Amino acid sequence: MKTTEKIANAKKRIDELERLIKYWNNLDNDEAKIVNFTAKIENKVA
């Protein structure tokens, strides 16, 4: 995996974590909320 790919993957994880933090900070009631995360499954061959 190239350095640019590692950086891109890290940025995606950081974005997801920031969205989770915003979600948790915005909870003002006990109702369940849905967080829409885009998921991409990659097939990799060793």
C-alpha atoms as a PDB file:
ATOM      1  CA  MET A   1       0.000   0.000   0.000  1.00  0.00           C
ATOM      2  CA  LYS A   2       1.413   3.346  -1.012  1.00  0.00           C
ATOM      3  CA  THR A   3       1.761   6.277   1.333  1.00  0.00           C
ATOM      4  CA  THR A   4      -0.917   8.241  -0.543  1.00  0.00           C
ATOM      5  CA  GLU A   5      -3.366   5.350  -0.104  1.00  0.00           C
ATOM      6  CA  LYS A   6      -2.583   5.174   3.613  1.00  0.00           C
ATOM      7  CA  ILE A   7      -3.187   8.913   3.967  1.00  0.00           C
ATOM      8  CA  ALA A   8      -6.480   8.686   2.052  1.00  0.00           C
ATOM      9  CA  ASN A   9      -7.676   5.825   4.275  1.00  0.00           C
ATOM     10  CA  ALA A  10      -6.662   7.713   7.414  1.00  0.00           C
ATOM     11  CA  LYS A  11      -8.601  10.790   6.260  1.00  0.00           C
ATOM     12  CA  LYS A  12     -11.697   8.640   5.705  1.00  0.00           C
ATOM     13  CA  ARG A  13     -11.415   7.209   9.238  1.00  0.00           C
ATOM     14  CA  ILE A  14     -10.919  10.694  10.693  1.00  0.00           C
ATOM     15  CA  ASP A  15     -14.011  11.961   8.844  1.00  0.00           C
ATOM     16  CA  GLU A  16     -16.073   9.050  10.207  1.00  0.00           C
ATOM     17  CA  LEU A  17     -14.843   9.712  13.743  1.00  0.00           C
ATOM     18  CA  GLU A  18     -15.644  13.420  13.461  1.00  0.00           C
ATOM     19  CA  ARG A  19     -19.177  12.570  12.305  1.00  0.00           C
ATOM     20  CA  LEU A  20     -19.588  10.209  15.268  1.00  0.00           C
ATOM     21  CA  ILE A  21     -18.391  12.899  17.686  1.00  0.00           C
ATOM     22  CA  LYS A  22     -20.865  15.404  16.228  1.00  0.00           C
ATOM     23  CA  TYR A  23     -23.623  12.785  16.470  1.00  0.00           C
ATOM     24  CA  TRP A  24     -22.836  12.044  20.122  1.00  0.00           C
ATOM     25  CA  ASN A  25     -22.607  15.745  20.971  1.00  0.00           C
ATOM     26  CA  ASN A  26     -25.973  16.458  19.350  1.00  0.00           C
ATOM     27  CA  LEU A  27     -27.907  13.820  21.289  1.00  0.00           C
ATOM     28  CA  ASP A  28     -30.551  15.738  23.182  1.00  0.00           C
ATOM     29  CA  ASN A  29     -33.098  12.963  23.626  1.00  0.00           C
ATOM     30  CA  ASP A  30     -33.235   9.193  23.996  1.00  0.00           C
ATOM     31  CA  GLU A  31     -34.585   8.500  20.539  1.00  0.00           C
ATOM     32  CA  ALA A  32     -32.492   6.294  18.309  1.00  0.00           C
ATOM     33  CA  LYS A  33     -30.930   8.062  15.390  1.00  0.00           C
ATOM     34  CA  ILE A  34     -29.437   6.628  12.232  1.00  0.00           C
ATOM     35  CA  VAL A  35     -25.977   7.668  11.098  1.00  0.00           C
ATOM     36  CA  ASN A  36     -25.419   7.233   7.376  1.00  0.00           C
ATOM     37  CA  PHE A  37     -21.919   6.011   6.716  1.00  0.00           C
ATOM     38  CA  THR A  38     -20.843   5.080   3.259  1.00  0.00           C
ATOM     39  CA  ALA A  39     -19.124   1.730   3.211  1.00  0.00           C
ATOM     40  CA  LYS A  40     -16.919   0.489   0.437  1.00  0.00           C
ATOM     41  CA  ILE A  41     -15.816  -3.130   0.364  1.00  0.00           C
ATOM     42  CA  GLU A  42     -12.625  -3.740  -1.508  1.00  0.00           C
ATOM     43  CA  ASN A  43     -11.472  -7.129  -2.731  1.00  0.00           C
ATOM     44  CA  LYS A  44      -7.759  -7.480  -2.234  1.00  0.00           C
ATOM     45  CA  VAL A  45      -5.599 -10.355  -3.307  1.00  0.00           C
ATOM     46  CA  ALA A  46      -2.612 -11.235  -1.162  1.00  0.00           C
END
